[in-house]
């Protein structure tokens, strides 16, 4: 029924953030025209959390080994904006994109839906 998900990150410096995802993170990509890069993401899952605040959306990149991922990104020049913390559901950290936006990374310690068919 669905073939994938398209995630949009709004940025105050889209060109720099695209270069970061291409050059530092190393995501494969296509050029949709005029330098408008669209990146291939790893398999994804979606969760719905309750809130009493205004509803919002969040993006987390999942890692098998968060420590190793941060070490690699640091060597490539990424700004590690949040060191690893242990949460009840896994390990959490973040990198800062050139625009200043944080991109959260986490190593899940809970069952994931990755590998399941929709």
C-alpha atoms as a PDB file:
ATOM      1  CA  UNK A   1       0.000   0.000   0.000  1.00  0.00           C
ATOM      2  CA  UNK A   2       2.758   2.504   0.941  1.00  0.00           C
ATOM      3  CA  UNK A   3       6.196   2.528  -0.635  1.00  0.00           C
ATOM      4  CA  UNK A   4       8.001   4.753   1.879  1.00  0.00           C
ATOM      5  CA  UNK A   5       7.912   7.911   3.940  1.00  0.00           C
ATOM      6  CA  UNK A   6       9.116  11.382   2.957  1.00  0.00           C
ATOM      7  CA  UNK A   7      10.478  13.421   5.867  1.00  0.00           C
ATOM      8  CA  UNK A   8      10.909  17.185   5.491  1.00  0.00           C
ATOM      9  CA  UNK A   9      13.289  19.209   7.648  1.00  0.00           C
ATOM     10  CA  UNK A  10      12.666  22.950   7.367  1.00  0.00           C
ATOM     11  CA  UNK A  11      15.900  24.908   7.613  1.00  0.00           C
ATOM     12  CA  UNK A  12      17.110  28.497   7.761  1.00  0.00           C
ATOM     13  CA  UNK A  13      20.163  27.346   5.740  1.00  0.00           C
ATOM     14  CA  UNK A  14      18.934  24.471   3.578  1.00  0.00           C
ATOM     15  CA  UNK A  15      21.995  24.440   1.325  1.00  0.00           C
ATOM     16  CA  UNK A  16      24.407  23.998   4.270  1.00  0.00           C
ATOM     17  CA  UNK A  17      22.199  21.372   5.918  1.00  0.00           C
ATOM     18  CA  UNK A  18      21.944  19.448   2.627  1.00  0.00           C
ATOM     19  CA  UNK A  19      25.741  19.531   2.313  1.00  0.00           C
ATOM     20  CA  UNK A  20      26.029  18.228   5.900  1.00  0.00           C
ATOM     21  CA  UNK A  21      23.682  15.308   5.220  1.00  0.00           C
ATOM     22  CA  UNK A  22      25.552  14.554   1.981  1.00  0.00           C
ATOM     23  CA  UNK A  23      29.170  15.051   3.104  1.00  0.00           C
ATOM     24  CA  UNK A  24      29.249  14.454   6.870  1.00  0.00           C
ATOM     25  CA  UNK A  25      26.414  11.995   7.426  1.00  0.00           C
ATOM     26  CA  UNK A  26      27.036  10.368   4.042  1.00  0.00           C
ATOM     27  CA  UNK A  27      23.426   9.790   2.999  1.00  0.00           C
ATOM     28  CA  UNK A  28      22.975   8.695  -0.609  1.00  0.00           C
ATOM     29  CA  UNK A  29      20.871  11.164  -2.542  1.00  0.00           C
ATOM     30  CA  UNK A  30      19.357  12.228  -5.828  1.00  0.00           C
ATOM     31  CA  UNK A  31      19.263  15.729  -7.238  1.00  0.00           C
ATOM     32  CA  UNK A  32      15.644  16.590  -7.984  1.00  0.00           C
ATOM     33  CA  UNK A  33      16.865  19.608  -9.950  1.00  0.00           C
ATOM     34  CA  UNK A  34      18.732  22.794  -9.168  1.00  0.00           C
ATOM     35  CA  UNK A  35      20.676  21.275  -6.266  1.00  0.00           C
ATOM     36  CA  UNK A  36      17.495  20.202  -4.484  1.00  0.00           C
ATOM     37  CA  UNK A  37      18.848  17.031  -2.867  1.00  0.00           C
ATOM     38  CA  UNK A  38      16.555  14.283  -1.646  1.00  0.00           C
ATOM     39  CA  UNK A  39      18.243  11.776   0.656  1.00  0.00           C
ATOM     40  CA  UNK A  40      17.781   8.065   0.972  1.00  0.00           C
ATOM     41  CA  UNK A  41      16.979   7.157   4.568  1.00  0.00           C
ATOM     42  CA  UNK A  42      17.371   3.861   6.358  1.00  0.00           C
ATOM     43  CA  UNK A  43      14.212   1.868   7.100  1.00  0.00           C
ATOM     44  CA  UNK A  44      11.821   3.816   9.290  1.00  0.00           C
ATOM     45  CA  UNK A  45       9.060   3.368  11.820  1.00  0.00           C
ATOM     46  CA  UNK A  46       6.415   5.707  13.193  1.00  0.00           C
ATOM     47  CA  UNK A  47       5.072   6.000  16.728  1.00  0.00           C
ATOM     48  CA  UNK A  48       2.182   7.996  18.163  1.00  0.00           C
ATOM     49  CA  UNK A  49       2.721   9.445  21.626  1.00  0.00           C
ATOM     50  CA  UNK A  50       0.032  11.082  23.761  1.00  0.00           C
ATOM     51  CA  UNK A  51       0.342  14.762  24.646  1.00  0.00           C
ATOM     52  CA  UNK A  52      -1.654  17.417  26.408  1.00  0.00           C
ATOM     53  CA  UNK A  53       0.431  20.114  24.655  1.00  0.00           C
ATOM     54  CA  UNK A  54       0.124  21.248  21.056  1.00  0.00           C
ATOM     55  CA  UNK A  55       0.748  18.203  18.796  1.00  0.00           C
ATOM     56  CA  UNK A  56       4.130  18.177  17.016  1.00  0.00           C
ATOM     57  CA  UNK A  57       6.371  15.909  14.961  1.00  0.00           C
ATOM     58  CA  UNK A  58       9.930  14.834  15.783  1.00  0.00           C
ATOM     59  CA  UNK A  59      12.644  13.110  13.749  1.00  0.00           C
ATOM     60  CA  UNK A  60      15.198  10.757  15.292  1.00  0.00           C
ATOM     61  CA  UNK A  61      17.849   8.854  13.367  1.00  0.00           C
ATOM     62  CA  UNK A  62      18.205   5.371  14.857  1.00  0.00           C
ATOM     63  CA  UNK A  63      21.641   3.817  15.379  1.00  0.00           C
ATOM     64  CA  UNK A  64      22.757   0.283  16.154  1.00  0.00           C
ATOM     65  CA  UNK A  65      25.735   1.695  18.090  1.00  0.00           C
ATOM     66  CA  UNK A  66      25.307   5.334  19.098  1.00  0.00           C
ATOM     67  CA  UNK A  67      28.812   5.695  20.533  1.00  0.00           C
ATOM     68  CA  UNK A  68      30.390   4.478  17.292  1.00  0.00           C
ATOM     69  CA  UNK A  69      28.099   6.708  15.215  1.00  0.00           C
ATOM     70  CA  UNK A  70      29.008   9.822  17.231  1.00  0.00           C
ATOM     71  CA  UNK A  71      32.713   9.000  16.988  1.00  0.00           C
ATOM     72  CA  UNK A  72      32.450   8.735  13.197  1.00  0.00           C
ATOM     73  CA  UNK A  73      30.426  11.941  12.892  1.00  0.00           C
ATOM     74  CA  UNK A  74      32.831  13.795  15.191  1.00  0.00           C
ATOM     75  CA  UNK A  75      35.790  12.733  13.004  1.00  0.00           C
ATOM     76  CA  UNK A  76      33.891  14.096   9.981  1.00  0.00           C
ATOM     77  CA  UNK A  77      33.470  17.471  11.671  1.00  0.00           C
ATOM     78  CA  UNK A  78      29.968  17.215  13.130  1.00  0.00           C
ATOM     79  CA  UNK A  79      29.086  19.328  16.160  1.00  0.00           C
ATOM     80  CA  UNK A  80      27.904  16.896  18.844  1.00  0.00           C
ATOM     81  CA  UNK A  81      25.360  19.143  20.541  1.00  0.00           C
ATOM     82  CA  UNK A  82      24.079  16.652  23.128  1.00  0.00           C
ATOM     83  CA  UNK A  83      26.242  13.955  24.662  1.00  0.00           C
ATOM     84  CA  UNK A  84      24.795  10.504  25.154  1.00  0.00           C
ATOM     85  CA  UNK A  85      22.235  10.159  27.921  1.00  0.00           C
ATOM     86  CA  UNK A  86      20.533   6.983  28.994  1.00  0.00           C
ATOM     87  CA  UNK A  87      16.760   7.124  28.818  1.00  0.00           C
ATOM     88  CA  UNK A  88      14.346   4.374  29.851  1.00  0.00           C
ATOM     89  CA  UNK A  89      13.824   3.557  26.144  1.00  0.00           C
ATOM     90  CA  UNK A  90      17.437   3.797  24.925  1.00  0.00           C
ATOM     91  CA  UNK A  91      20.457   6.017  24.445  1.00  0.00           C
ATOM     92  CA  UNK A  92      19.917   9.572  23.169  1.00  0.00           C
ATOM     93  CA  UNK A  93      22.261  12.205  21.696  1.00  0.00           C
ATOM     94  CA  UNK A  94      22.139  14.919  19.039  1.00  0.00           C
ATOM     95  CA  UNK A  95      24.224  16.665  16.410  1.00  0.00           C
ATOM     96  CA  UNK A  96      23.796  20.260  15.319  1.00  0.00           C
ATOM     97  CA  UNK A  97      23.181  20.945  11.647  1.00  0.00           C
ATOM     98  CA  UNK A  98      24.955  23.966  10.114  1.00  0.00           C
ATOM     99  CA  UNK A  99      21.655  25.905  10.327  1.00  0.00           C
ATOM    100  CA  UNK A 100      21.698  25.434  14.113  1.00  0.00           C
ATOM    101  CA  UNK A 101      18.895  22.881  14.168  1.00  0.00           C
ATOM    102  CA  UNK A 102      19.483  19.815  16.322  1.00  0.00           C
ATOM    103  CA  UNK A 103      19.094  16.365  14.812  1.00  0.00           C
ATOM    104  CA  UNK A 104      18.412  13.730  17.458  1.00  0.00           C
ATOM    105  CA  UNK A 105      20.071  10.312  17.290  1.00  0.00           C
ATOM    106  CA  UNK A 106      19.143   7.325  19.372  1.00  0.00           C
ATOM    107  CA  UNK A 107      19.986   3.708  20.008  1.00  0.00           C
ATOM    108  CA  UNK A 108      16.720   1.977  20.888  1.00  0.00           C
ATOM    109  CA  UNK A 109      16.592  -0.390  23.833  1.00  0.00           C
ATOM    110  CA  UNK A 110      13.017  -1.405  23.071  1.00  0.00           C
ATOM    111  CA  UNK A 111      11.517  -3.676  20.420  1.00  0.00           C
ATOM    112  CA  UNK A 112      11.469  -1.949  17.032  1.00  0.00           C
ATOM    113  CA  UNK A 113       9.224  -2.403  14.018  1.00  0.00           C
ATOM    114  CA  UNK A 114      12.185  -2.331  11.619  1.00  0.00           C
ATOM    115  CA  UNK A 115      12.107  -5.295   9.274  1.00  0.00           C
ATOM    116  CA  UNK A 116       8.353  -5.775   9.624  1.00  0.00           C
ATOM    117  CA  UNK A 117       6.154  -5.473   6.544  1.00  0.00           C
ATOM    118  CA  UNK A 118       3.502  -2.738   6.633  1.00  0.00           C
END
